[in-house]
Amino acid sequence: MSSSDRLLFNRQTSVHQALGGGLFADVILWRHTNVTMGIFIITLASWMMFERSDYTFLSYVSNVLLLLLLILFLWAKSAQILNRPTPPIPYLQLSEETTNEAAALIREQINTVLSVSHDIALGKDPKMFAKVASYLFIISTIGSLTDFRTLCYTSVFVVLIVPVSYERYEEHVDSVLVKGNLKLKELYIRFDEECVKKVRKWILETNKLS
C-alpha cells in the first residue's frame, strides 16, 4: 500500500485540519499546553469532588449560581448606596437570525436521522444497519459498565489523550487500522453472501408462495 492508501478514512489532511483547525484543534492537540492542562486538571478535580462528596452535578451548579447571584445582587445594591459603578454585566440576547440558523441546523440533522432510520427499517441499507447495530451494542455495553457522569469525564480524558497520541504515532496506527478495516470488509462480504442473501431469497420465495 502507498502512503496515501494507509491514511485512515482515505483522508488527505493532517489531524489538526481534520479536527477543524483553529483554537479547538490546538487545545485538543496540546498546542496550547496551559489551556489543555487546565482543562485536564479541572476535569480531574471535579471528578474527584463529585465522587468523594455527596454533591451531585445539579446541586453543585445550583449552589454556584445561587452564590453568584447573591454576590452580584449585593454588589449592585452597595454600588447604588455608595455611588459606585454597578457590576459590568453585558446584556446578552439571541438574535432572530442566530435562532433561525440553529433551528434550521437541528431540523436538518433530525431529518437526516429520520431518513436513515426509515431506510434501515425497510432493509434498504444493510451496511448502515450493521453500523448502527454495532454502535448501539457498544453504547449498551459501556452503559452497563459505568454511569453517565463517569462516562462524561472519561470522554474528556479520551479527547485530550487519543488525538495527540494518534498524531504522534499516525503512520503505525493508520497501517494497523486500514488492515483491520480490510478484514472487516471481507467478513461483511462473507456474511452478506452466506446469510443476508439467503434470507432475502427465502423472503421472496415465501411471498411468492403466499
Protein backbone atom coordinates (compact mmCIF):
# COMPACT_ATOMS: atom_id res chain seq x y z
CA MET A 1 0.00 0.00 0.00
CA SER A 2 1.12 3.52 -0.72
CA SER A 3 1.38 6.14 2.00
CA SER A 4 -1.89 7.75 0.85
CA ASP A 5 -3.70 4.38 0.91
CA ARG A 6 -2.67 3.85 4.53
CA LEU A 7 -4.31 7.10 5.65
CA LEU A 8 -7.32 6.49 7.87
CA PHE A 9 -10.67 7.09 6.09
CA ASN A 10 -8.71 7.97 2.90
CA ARG A 11 -8.21 11.48 4.23
CA GLN A 12 -5.66 13.80 2.68
CA THR A 13 -5.41 16.28 5.55
CA SER A 14 -3.48 16.42 8.80
CA VAL A 15 -5.01 15.57 12.17
CA HIS A 16 -5.13 19.28 13.02
CA GLN A 17 -7.12 20.04 9.86
CA ALA A 18 -9.38 17.03 10.37
CA LEU A 19 -10.33 18.44 13.79
CA GLY A 20 -11.39 21.69 12.16
CA GLY A 21 -8.24 23.69 12.81
CA GLY A 22 -8.28 26.81 14.95
CA LEU A 23 -8.34 27.03 18.71
CA PHE A 24 -10.34 23.84 19.27
CA ALA A 25 -7.82 21.68 17.40
CA ASP A 26 -4.93 23.49 19.11
CA VAL A 27 -6.35 22.68 22.55
CA ILE A 28 -7.11 19.03 21.66
CA LEU A 29 -3.60 18.53 20.27
CA TRP A 30 -1.90 20.28 23.20
CA ARG A 31 -0.64 23.21 21.09
CA HIS A 32 -1.78 25.48 23.95
CA THR A 33 -0.34 23.42 26.78
CA ASN A 34 -1.53 25.69 29.59
CA VAL A 35 -5.15 25.68 28.40
CA THR A 36 -5.26 21.94 27.81
CA MET A 37 -3.57 21.20 31.12
CA GLY A 38 -6.05 23.50 32.86
CA ILE A 39 -9.00 21.62 31.34
CA PHE A 40 -7.38 18.32 32.30
CA ILE A 41 -6.80 19.39 35.92
CA ILE A 42 -10.27 20.95 36.32
CA THR A 43 -11.93 17.82 34.92
CA LEU A 44 -9.90 15.58 37.23
CA ALA A 45 -10.60 17.80 40.25
CA SER A 46 -14.35 17.97 39.57
CA TRP A 47 -14.49 14.20 39.10
CA MET A 48 -12.75 13.65 42.44
CA MET A 49 -15.01 16.19 44.13
CA PHE A 50 -18.24 14.62 42.88
CA GLU A 51 -17.05 11.09 43.55
CA ARG A 52 -15.75 11.82 47.07
CA SER A 53 -18.52 14.15 48.26
CA ASP A 54 -22.29 13.98 48.43
CA TYR A 55 -22.63 16.69 45.80
CA THR A 56 -24.46 15.99 42.58
CA PHE A 57 -23.94 18.00 39.43
CA LEU A 58 -27.34 19.67 39.72
CA SER A 59 -26.87 20.68 43.36
CA TYR A 60 -23.35 21.95 42.66
CA VAL A 61 -24.47 24.11 39.72
CA SER A 62 -27.43 25.42 41.72
CA ASN A 63 -25.21 26.41 44.66
CA VAL A 64 -22.68 28.13 42.39
CA LEU A 65 -25.42 30.08 40.60
CA LEU A 66 -27.03 31.00 43.92
CA LEU A 67 -23.71 32.29 45.26
CA LEU A 68 -23.05 34.21 42.03
CA LEU A 69 -26.47 35.85 42.05
CA LEU A 70 -26.10 36.76 45.73
CA ILE A 71 -22.71 38.41 45.13
CA LEU A 72 -23.97 40.35 42.11
CA PHE A 73 -27.13 41.44 43.92
CA LEU A 74 -25.21 42.71 46.97
CA TRP A 75 -22.64 44.36 44.68
CA ALA A 76 -25.37 46.21 42.75
CA LYS A 77 -27.17 47.34 45.90
CA SER A 78 -23.99 48.52 47.60
CA ALA A 79 -22.96 50.36 44.40
CA GLN A 80 -26.27 52.25 44.41
CA ILE A 81 -25.84 53.25 48.05
CA LEU A 82 -22.16 54.24 47.74
CA ASN A 83 -22.47 55.74 44.23
CA ARG A 84 -20.08 53.20 42.82
CA PRO A 85 -20.12 51.54 39.37
CA THR A 86 -22.52 48.63 39.04
CA PRO A 87 -21.26 45.15 38.09
CA PRO A 88 -20.00 45.10 34.47
CA ILE A 89 -22.52 42.57 33.20
CA PRO A 90 -23.06 42.57 29.41
CA TYR A 91 -26.58 42.48 28.02
CA LEU A 92 -26.96 39.12 26.29
CA GLN A 93 -29.70 38.37 23.79
CA LEU A 94 -30.11 35.85 20.98
CA SER A 95 -30.81 37.40 17.61
CA GLU A 96 -33.58 36.09 15.40
CA GLU A 97 -31.02 35.19 12.73
CA THR A 98 -29.00 33.05 15.15
CA THR A 99 -32.13 31.30 16.39
CA ASN A 100 -33.29 30.55 12.83
CA GLU A 101 -29.88 29.18 11.87
CA ALA A 102 -29.79 26.91 14.94
CA ALA A 103 -33.35 25.71 14.28
CA ALA A 104 -32.53 25.01 10.62
CA LEU A 105 -29.42 23.06 11.61
CA ILE A 106 -31.33 20.98 14.18
CA ARG A 107 -34.14 20.33 11.67
CA GLU A 108 -31.62 19.17 9.05
CA GLN A 109 -29.92 16.79 11.45
CA ILE A 110 -33.23 15.35 12.68
CA ASN A 111 -34.43 14.83 9.10
CA THR A 112 -31.17 13.04 8.27
CA VAL A 113 -31.60 10.71 11.25
CA LEU A 114 -35.23 10.03 10.32
CA SER A 115 -34.29 9.31 6.70
CA VAL A 116 -31.53 6.89 7.72
CA SER A 117 -33.87 5.21 10.24
CA HIS A 118 -36.50 4.82 7.52
CA ASP A 119 -34.03 3.15 5.15
CA ILE A 120 -32.77 0.82 7.90
CA ALA A 121 -36.30 -0.17 8.94
CA LEU A 122 -37.16 -1.09 5.33
CA GLY A 123 -33.93 -3.03 4.85
CA LYS A 124 -32.60 -0.70 2.15
CA ASP A 125 -29.19 -0.13 3.73
CA PRO A 126 -27.67 -3.26 5.29
CA LYS A 127 -24.29 -1.58 5.82
CA MET A 128 -25.84 1.26 7.81
CA PHE A 129 -27.91 -1.26 9.77
CA ALA A 130 -24.71 -3.11 10.72
CA LYS A 131 -23.02 0.16 11.76
CA VAL A 132 -25.97 1.38 13.85
CA ALA A 133 -26.41 -2.02 15.49
CA SER A 134 -22.71 -2.11 16.35
CA TYR A 135 -22.79 1.41 17.83
CA LEU A 136 -25.89 0.65 19.88
CA PHE A 137 -24.35 -2.56 21.17
CA ILE A 138 -21.16 -0.72 22.16
CA ILE A 139 -23.16 2.05 23.88
CA SER A 140 -25.26 -0.54 25.71
CA THR A 141 -22.14 -2.39 26.86
CA ILE A 142 -20.45 0.79 28.07
CA GLY A 143 -23.65 1.94 29.79
CA SER A 144 -23.84 -1.31 31.73
CA LEU A 145 -20.28 -0.85 32.99
CA THR A 146 -20.38 2.76 34.18
CA ASP A 147 -22.69 5.69 34.94
CA PHE A 148 -23.27 8.74 32.75
CA ARG A 149 -21.17 11.12 34.86
CA THR A 150 -18.11 8.88 34.81
CA LEU A 151 -18.63 8.37 31.09
CA CYS A 152 -18.55 12.16 30.53
CA TYR A 153 -15.31 12.54 32.49
CA THR A 154 -13.77 9.56 30.68
CA SER A 155 -14.77 11.09 27.33
CA VAL A 156 -12.95 14.32 28.20
CA PHE A 157 -9.79 12.38 29.08
CA VAL A 158 -10.06 10.35 25.87
CA VAL A 159 -10.48 13.51 23.76
CA LEU A 160 -7.42 15.06 25.38
CA ILE A 161 -5.24 11.96 25.08
CA VAL A 162 -6.21 9.93 21.99
CA PRO A 163 -5.89 12.59 19.21
CA VAL A 164 -2.44 13.79 20.31
CA SER A 165 -1.26 10.19 20.72
CA TYR A 166 -2.62 9.34 17.28
CA GLU A 167 -0.88 12.35 15.75
CA ARG A 168 2.43 11.22 17.23
CA TYR A 169 2.13 7.60 16.01
CA GLU A 170 -0.04 8.31 12.97
CA GLU A 171 1.63 6.11 10.35
CA HIS A 172 1.76 2.98 12.50
CA VAL A 173 -1.85 3.37 13.73
CA ASP A 174 -3.19 4.04 10.22
CA SER A 175 -1.45 0.95 8.86
CA VAL A 176 -2.93 -1.29 11.55
CA LEU A 177 -6.45 0.19 11.29
CA VAL A 178 -6.56 0.01 7.49
CA LYS A 179 -5.56 -3.66 7.60
CA GLY A 180 -8.24 -4.29 10.21
CA ASN A 181 -10.79 -2.45 8.08
CA LEU A 182 -9.99 -4.68 5.10
CA LYS A 183 -10.51 -7.77 7.26
CA LEU A 184 -13.89 -6.44 8.44
CA LYS A 185 -14.96 -5.78 4.85
CA GLU A 186 -14.06 -9.34 3.93
CA LEU A 187 -16.10 -10.66 6.86
CA TYR A 188 -19.06 -8.46 5.91
CA ILE A 189 -18.97 -9.71 2.29
CA ARG A 190 -18.94 -13.31 3.51
CA PHE A 191 -21.79 -12.59 5.95
CA ASP A 192 -23.79 -10.89 3.20
CA GLU A 193 -23.30 -13.79 0.80
CA GLU A 194 -23.89 -16.60 3.28
CA CYS A 195 -26.66 -15.13 5.43
CA VAL A 196 -28.30 -11.94 4.16
CA LYS A 197 -28.77 -13.08 0.56
CA LYS A 198 -30.19 -16.43 1.72
CA VAL A 199 -32.67 -14.63 4.00
CA ARG A 200 -33.72 -12.31 1.17
CA LYS A 201 -34.18 -15.28 -1.15
CA TRP A 202 -36.25 -17.09 1.48
CA ILE A 203 -38.45 -13.99 1.98
CA LEU A 204 -39.02 -13.64 -1.77
CA GLU A 205 -39.93 -17.31 -2.11
CA THR A 206 -42.30 -17.07 0.85
CA ASN A 207 -44.00 -14.01 -0.67
CA LYS A 208 -44.42 -15.81 -4.00
CA LEU A 209 -45.98 -18.84 -2.33
CA SER A 210 -48.35 -16.66 -0.32
